[in-house]
Amino acid sequence: MKIVVLDGYTLNPGDNPWDPLAALGELTVYDRTNPEDVLERSRGAEILITNKTRLNADTLAALPDLRCIGVIATGYDVVDIAAAGKRGIPVMNVVNYGTEAVAQHAFALLLELCRRTALHDAGIRSGRWAAGPDWCFWDTPQVELSGKVMGILGFGTIGRRVAELAHAFGMKVIAASVRKSAAELSASSAPVSFPVEFVEMDELFRASDVLSLHCPLTEQTRAIVNAANIASMKDGAILLNLARGPLLDEAAVAEALASGKLGGLGADVVSVEPIAQDNPLLTSPNTLLTPHIAWATRTARQNITRIIAENIAGWMAGQPKSVVNKAYLNG
């Protein structure tokens, strides 16, 4: 069976062998594929693997041999899943591969915003400590997390793990959902071993000292962090976004950072990636940006390779897993 990976470099830049997929068929891997090359590289493939390379309805219609699509990510908006389903092509994604990696990154950003270790290290290396009149110095407020309120928007696997880490730091944890009421979220959430208070979303914005976003991007959540919701937040609150860039109204967030209404932003994602040179967050104060790397530990990437291979093997055996377009298949 012919398998083609259209954009495999970010998953395997050289340290994450493709062996699990290679064991399933004749494997061809491209590091990156430009839009104009997608059709040529995909022809004859029975299984296509994509990360960020788009597969639209016209492309799918021109690939009569295609039988299955694997997305080596959780988000699958790069594939027209309805068009695939109508052609009888299942689309499978990868979930729960990087919970530890993303939760760890959330706290890497949060701790740096609270203590600014890199900034003070740079100050030492520039000679400020050696030449200073005192035995210590600090250029930014040094913030403790204990006793602060951690708000989690989206209480799935990653949200729960971030909440657990917050509890370990002595924070009070509150959580909310965009789609569910506090009572519905409480009733439907998996049990946790630490205290968490489920609240309505407006209360989440009002009460959080740190607000961490872990919800999917939908029309309901697009620009959920907007001027109105920011206005209801505590002065100096810290915002973390490790979910999807368009959850933020970036202009409103930049304005809030400039005014001091928001005390800090840690973001691993932005609205357009790679980041546009005119993105207002690039010049915002108290802002830490990372280039969509929360997921990218070697362990997490190995998990993706293993899981997508398991998904495809399951499909080959007539037991497909993580199919995201069931509603459209043969519809």
Protein backbone atom coordinates (compact mmCIF):
# COMPACT_ATOMS: atom_id res chain seq x y z
CA MET A 1 0.00 0.00 0.00
CA LYS A 2 1.42 3.37 -1.05
CA ILE A 3 1.71 5.88 1.79
CA VAL A 4 2.78 9.50 1.24
CA VAL A 5 3.66 11.97 3.98
CA LEU A 6 3.32 15.47 2.55
CA ASP A 7 5.00 17.52 5.27
CA GLY A 8 6.91 15.43 7.76
CA TYR A 9 9.82 17.64 8.76
CA THR A 10 8.38 19.18 11.92
CA LEU A 11 7.43 15.74 13.20
CA ASN A 12 10.75 14.19 12.27
CA PRO A 13 13.65 16.58 11.69
CA GLY A 14 15.95 13.59 12.10
CA ASP A 15 15.31 12.25 15.58
CA ASN A 16 11.98 10.44 15.18
CA PRO A 17 12.20 7.55 12.69
CA TRP A 18 9.27 6.73 10.42
CA ASP A 19 9.60 2.99 11.11
CA PRO A 20 6.04 2.49 12.44
CA LEU A 21 4.59 3.87 9.19
CA ALA A 22 7.17 2.24 6.95
CA ALA A 23 6.12 -1.13 8.36
CA LEU A 24 2.64 -0.62 6.90
CA GLY A 25 3.50 -0.08 3.25
CA GLU A 26 5.59 1.68 0.63
CA LEU A 27 6.40 4.96 2.36
CA THR A 28 7.44 8.24 0.74
CA VAL A 29 8.14 11.21 3.00
CA TYR A 30 8.43 14.84 1.93
CA ASP A 31 9.73 17.40 4.39
CA ARG A 32 7.42 20.09 3.00
CA THR A 33 5.01 20.34 0.09
CA ASN A 34 4.04 23.57 -1.63
CA PRO A 35 0.39 23.90 -2.71
CA GLU A 36 1.29 23.61 -6.38
CA ASP A 37 3.03 20.27 -5.75
CA VAL A 38 0.32 18.55 -3.70
CA LEU A 39 -1.41 16.82 -6.62
CA GLU A 40 1.76 15.55 -8.25
CA ARG A 41 3.12 14.13 -5.01
CA SER A 42 -0.22 12.61 -3.98
CA ARG A 43 -1.08 10.79 -7.19
CA GLY A 44 -1.24 7.05 -6.72
CA ALA A 45 -1.19 7.27 -2.94
CA GLU A 46 -3.73 5.14 -1.14
CA ILE A 47 -2.92 6.78 2.20
CA LEU A 48 -2.03 10.45 2.56
CA ILE A 49 -0.51 11.87 5.72
CA THR A 50 -0.60 15.62 6.30
CA ASN A 51 0.16 18.00 9.10
CA LYS A 52 -0.46 21.49 7.72
CA THR A 53 -0.65 20.81 3.97
CA ARG A 54 -4.20 21.53 2.81
CA LEU A 55 -6.31 18.91 1.08
CA ASN A 56 -9.38 20.59 -0.41
CA ALA A 57 -12.33 19.15 -2.32
CA ASP A 58 -10.78 19.74 -5.75
CA THR A 59 -7.56 18.00 -4.74
CA LEU A 60 -9.43 15.02 -3.30
CA ALA A 61 -11.53 14.70 -6.45
CA ALA A 62 -8.35 14.40 -8.51
CA LEU A 63 -7.01 11.48 -6.44
CA PRO A 64 -9.02 8.38 -7.38
CA ASP A 65 -6.63 6.00 -5.62
CA LEU A 66 -6.88 7.73 -2.26
CA ARG A 67 -8.54 5.61 0.42
CA CYS A 68 -7.49 7.10 3.75
CA ILE A 69 -6.12 10.36 5.19
CA GLY A 70 -4.14 10.70 8.39
CA VAL A 71 -3.57 14.05 10.07
CA ILE A 72 -0.47 14.08 12.25
CA ALA A 73 -2.02 16.60 14.63
CA THR A 74 -5.16 17.01 16.67
CA GLY A 75 -6.57 19.86 14.57
CA TYR A 76 -7.81 18.71 11.17
CA ASP A 77 -9.12 21.88 9.54
CA VAL A 78 -6.51 21.51 6.77
CA VAL A 79 -8.65 18.72 5.29
CA ASP A 80 -12.09 19.15 3.74
CA ILE A 81 -13.55 16.37 5.86
CA ALA A 82 -16.99 16.61 4.26
CA ALA A 83 -15.58 16.18 0.76
CA ALA A 84 -13.43 13.28 1.96
CA GLY A 85 -16.40 11.63 3.61
CA LYS A 86 -18.53 11.89 0.49
CA ARG A 87 -15.81 10.03 -1.36
CA GLY A 88 -15.73 7.35 1.34
CA ILE A 89 -12.34 8.46 2.63
CA PRO A 90 -11.95 8.39 6.42
CA VAL A 91 -9.90 11.17 8.00
CA MET A 92 -8.11 10.23 11.21
CA ASN A 93 -6.36 12.60 13.59
CA VAL A 94 -4.07 12.12 16.59
CA VAL A 95 -5.23 13.01 20.08
CA ASN A 96 -3.76 12.92 23.59
CA TYR A 97 -0.17 12.70 22.40
CA GLY A 98 1.28 15.75 24.09
CA THR A 99 -0.59 16.43 27.30
CA GLU A 100 2.56 16.56 29.42
CA ALA A 101 4.48 18.59 26.84
CA VAL A 102 1.82 21.29 26.48
CA ALA A 103 1.08 21.54 30.20
CA GLN A 104 4.80 21.84 30.94
CA HIS A 105 5.12 24.59 28.35
CA ALA A 106 2.22 26.49 29.88
CA PHE A 107 4.11 26.65 33.13
CA ALA A 108 7.38 27.47 31.39
CA LEU A 109 5.70 30.60 30.04
CA LEU A 110 3.89 31.38 33.29
CA LEU A 111 6.96 31.02 35.50
CA GLU A 112 9.03 33.17 33.16
CA LEU A 113 6.37 35.88 33.20
CA CYS A 114 6.32 35.76 37.01
CA ARG A 115 10.08 35.72 37.63
CA ARG A 116 11.79 36.89 34.39
CA THR A 117 14.76 34.64 34.86
CA ALA A 118 16.15 35.17 31.35
CA LEU A 119 16.02 38.95 31.71
CA HIS A 120 17.90 38.86 35.00
CA ASP A 121 20.43 36.38 33.67
CA ALA A 122 21.11 38.81 30.82
CA GLY A 123 21.51 41.61 33.38
CA ILE A 124 24.12 39.62 35.25
CA ARG A 125 26.05 38.86 32.08
CA SER A 126 26.05 42.55 31.14
CA GLY A 127 27.85 43.29 34.42
CA ARG A 128 25.01 44.87 36.37
CA TRP A 129 25.25 42.58 39.39
CA ALA A 130 29.03 42.78 39.67
CA ALA A 131 28.91 46.57 39.46
CA GLY A 132 25.81 47.03 41.58
CA PRO A 133 25.72 48.64 45.04
CA ASP A 134 23.59 45.87 46.57
CA TRP A 135 23.85 42.13 47.01
CA CYS A 136 20.85 41.58 44.72
CA PHE A 137 18.75 43.41 42.15
CA TRP A 138 15.50 42.89 40.29
CA ASP A 139 14.05 44.79 37.36
CA THR A 140 10.54 43.35 37.41
CA PRO A 141 8.08 42.44 40.16
CA GLN A 142 8.73 38.94 41.48
CA VAL A 143 5.36 37.18 41.60
CA GLU A 144 4.38 34.12 43.64
CA LEU A 145 1.73 31.77 42.29
CA SER A 146 0.63 30.32 45.62
CA GLY A 147 -2.77 31.69 46.59
CA LYS A 148 -3.51 33.00 43.10
CA VAL A 149 -6.52 31.85 41.05
CA MET A 150 -5.81 29.77 37.97
CA GLY A 151 -8.69 29.85 35.50
CA ILE A 152 -8.90 27.10 32.89
CA LEU A 153 -11.08 27.61 29.81
CA GLY A 154 -11.53 24.14 28.36
CA PHE A 155 -11.28 21.31 30.88
CA GLY A 156 -10.14 18.50 28.62
CA THR A 157 -7.04 16.37 29.05
CA ILE A 158 -4.57 19.25 28.77
CA GLY A 159 -6.70 21.65 30.77
CA ARG A 160 -6.96 19.13 33.59
CA ARG A 161 -3.20 18.59 33.62
CA VAL A 162 -2.52 22.33 33.75
CA ALA A 163 -5.02 22.56 36.59
CA GLU A 164 -3.23 19.77 38.44
CA LEU A 165 0.10 21.56 38.12
CA ALA A 166 -1.51 24.80 39.26
CA HIS A 167 -2.81 23.03 42.35
CA ALA A 168 0.71 21.74 43.04
CA PHE A 169 1.89 25.37 43.04
CA GLY A 170 -0.71 26.23 45.65
CA MET A 171 -3.13 27.93 43.29
CA LYS A 172 -6.90 27.81 43.53
CA VAL A 173 -8.29 26.24 40.34
CA ILE A 174 -11.49 27.28 38.62
CA ALA A 175 -12.66 25.99 35.25
CA ALA A 176 -15.30 26.78 32.67
CA SER A 177 -16.50 25.69 29.25
CA VAL A 178 -17.75 27.75 26.35
CA ARG A 179 -20.39 25.15 25.43
CA LYS A 180 -21.45 23.87 28.84
CA SER A 181 -22.81 25.48 31.98
CA ALA A 182 -20.87 25.07 35.21
CA ALA A 183 -23.27 22.34 36.32
CA GLU A 184 -22.98 20.49 33.00
CA LEU A 185 -19.19 20.72 33.05
CA SER A 186 -19.08 19.42 36.61
CA ALA A 187 -21.32 16.48 35.74
CA SER A 188 -19.45 15.54 32.57
CA SER A 189 -15.82 16.02 33.64
CA ALA A 190 -13.62 13.09 34.54
CA PRO A 191 -12.84 12.92 38.27
CA VAL A 192 -9.72 14.72 39.47
CA SER A 193 -7.68 14.28 42.64
CA PHE A 194 -7.52 17.98 43.53
CA PRO A 195 -10.06 20.70 44.30
CA VAL A 196 -11.56 22.49 41.30
CA GLU A 197 -14.51 24.85 41.18
CA PHE A 198 -16.60 24.86 38.01
CA VAL A 199 -17.90 28.31 37.13
CA GLU A 200 -19.68 30.09 34.31
CA MET A 201 -17.46 31.62 31.67
CA ASP A 202 -18.10 35.22 32.70
CA GLU A 203 -17.05 34.36 36.25
CA LEU A 204 -13.90 32.71 34.90
CA PHE A 205 -12.85 35.96 33.25
CA ARG A 206 -13.69 38.02 36.35
CA ALA A 207 -12.02 35.83 38.97
CA SER A 208 -8.81 34.56 37.34
CA ASP A 209 -5.37 35.88 38.21
CA VAL A 210 -4.07 33.62 35.46
CA LEU A 211 -6.34 32.58 32.58
CA SER A 212 -5.12 29.61 30.53
CA LEU A 213 -6.88 28.71 27.28
CA HIS A 214 -7.29 25.06 26.33
CA CYS A 215 -10.43 25.05 24.19
CA PRO A 216 -10.82 24.26 20.48
CA LEU A 217 -11.26 26.94 17.85
CA THR A 218 -14.88 27.18 16.75
CA GLU A 219 -17.06 30.04 15.59
CA GLN A 220 -18.19 30.30 19.21
CA THR A 221 -14.64 30.60 20.57
CA ARG A 222 -13.09 32.76 17.86
CA ALA A 223 -11.87 36.00 19.51
CA ILE A 224 -13.30 34.81 22.83
CA VAL A 225 -10.63 36.95 24.48
CA ASN A 226 -11.92 40.28 23.24
CA ALA A 227 -12.12 43.82 24.56
CA ALA A 228 -15.34 43.20 26.46
CA ASN A 229 -14.10 40.08 28.23
CA ILE A 230 -10.71 41.64 28.95
CA ALA A 231 -12.47 44.61 30.56
CA SER A 232 -14.07 42.24 33.05
CA MET A 233 -10.75 40.69 34.07
CA LYS A 234 -8.69 41.60 37.11
CA ASP A 235 -6.18 44.38 36.56
CA GLY A 236 -2.79 42.79 35.92
CA ALA A 237 -4.12 39.32 35.12
CA ILE A 238 -1.88 37.02 33.10
CA LEU A 239 -3.18 35.35 29.93
CA LEU A 240 -1.84 32.07 28.52
CA ASN A 241 -2.76 30.75 25.07
CA LEU A 242 -1.49 27.32 24.12
CA ALA A 243 -4.57 26.34 22.13
CA ARG A 244 -5.31 28.29 18.93
CA GLY A 245 -4.18 31.77 17.95
CA PRO A 246 -7.57 33.07 16.76
CA LEU A 247 -9.00 32.60 20.26
CA LEU A 248 -7.53 36.06 20.87
CA ASP A 249 -8.56 39.38 19.42
CA GLU A 250 -4.89 40.20 19.13
CA ALA A 251 -5.40 43.95 18.72
CA ALA A 252 -7.51 44.07 21.90
CA VAL A 253 -4.96 41.97 23.79
CA ALA A 254 -2.10 44.18 22.61
CA GLU A 255 -3.98 47.28 23.75
CA ALA A 256 -4.63 45.71 27.16
CA LEU A 257 -0.96 44.81 27.53
CA ALA A 258 0.09 48.33 26.58
CA SER A 259 -2.27 49.88 29.12
CA GLY A 260 -1.34 47.44 31.88
CA LYS A 261 -4.86 46.03 32.10
CA LEU A 262 -3.25 42.68 31.30
CA GLY A 263 -0.12 42.02 33.29
CA GLY A 264 1.34 39.56 30.84
CA LEU A 265 0.77 37.24 27.91
CA GLY A 266 2.39 33.90 27.25
CA ALA A 267 1.42 32.54 23.84
CA ASP A 268 2.65 29.58 21.83
CA VAL A 269 0.19 30.27 19.00
CA VAL A 270 -0.87 33.32 17.00
CA SER A 271 -3.60 34.07 14.49
CA VAL A 272 -1.41 33.60 11.41
CA GLU A 273 1.56 31.21 11.48
CA PRO A 274 4.38 31.84 10.85
CA ILE A 275 3.74 35.12 12.61
CA ALA A 276 3.11 38.19 10.45
CA GLN A 277 5.62 41.01 10.82
CA ASP A 278 2.81 43.43 11.68
CA ASN A 279 1.31 41.28 14.44
CA PRO A 280 0.71 43.72 17.32
CA LEU A 281 1.88 41.18 19.89
CA LEU A 282 5.45 41.48 18.58
CA THR A 283 5.76 44.92 20.13
CA SER A 284 3.57 44.37 23.20
CA PRO A 285 5.14 44.71 26.65
CA ASN A 286 5.22 41.81 29.12
CA THR A 287 4.74 39.33 26.32
CA LEU A 288 6.43 35.99 25.77
CA LEU A 289 5.94 34.30 22.40
CA THR A 290 7.15 30.88 21.34
CA PRO A 291 6.87 29.50 17.78
CA HIS A 292 4.19 26.82 18.26
CA ILE A 293 6.56 24.45 20.06
CA ALA A 294 4.56 23.39 23.11
CA TRP A 295 3.78 20.09 21.40
CA ALA A 296 7.28 19.47 20.08
CA THR A 297 9.13 17.41 22.69
CA ARG A 298 10.69 14.33 21.19
CA THR A 299 8.48 12.14 23.37
CA ALA A 300 5.32 13.83 22.10
CA ARG A 301 6.46 13.59 18.48
CA GLN A 302 7.23 9.91 18.92
CA ASN A 303 3.74 9.50 20.32
CA ILE A 304 2.27 11.08 17.19
CA THR A 305 4.17 8.72 14.90
CA ARG A 306 3.11 5.71 16.93
CA ILE A 307 -0.54 6.76 17.18
CA ILE A 308 -1.00 7.61 13.49
CA ALA A 309 0.53 4.24 12.60
CA GLU A 310 -1.84 2.52 15.02
CA ASN A 311 -4.77 4.41 13.52
CA ILE A 312 -3.84 3.37 10.00
CA ALA A 313 -3.20 -0.23 11.03
CA GLY A 314 -6.63 -0.25 12.63
CA TRP A 315 -8.18 1.06 9.43
CA MET A 316 -6.41 -1.63 7.42
CA ALA A 317 -7.85 -4.23 9.79
CA GLY A 318 -11.34 -2.82 9.44
CA GLN A 319 -11.28 -1.14 12.87
CA PRO A 320 -10.47 2.53 12.24
CA LYS A 321 -9.83 4.82 15.20
CA SER A 322 -10.04 8.59 15.68
CA VAL A 323 -12.14 9.09 12.54
CA VAL A 324 -13.22 12.74 12.53
CA ASN A 325 -15.58 12.63 9.54
CA LYS A 326 -17.87 9.74 10.45
CA ALA A 327 -20.91 11.94 9.89
CA TYR A 328 -19.94 12.48 6.25
CA LEU A 329 -18.75 9.03 5.26
CA ASN A 330 -20.84 7.72 2.39
CA GLY A 331 -23.36 10.41 3.22
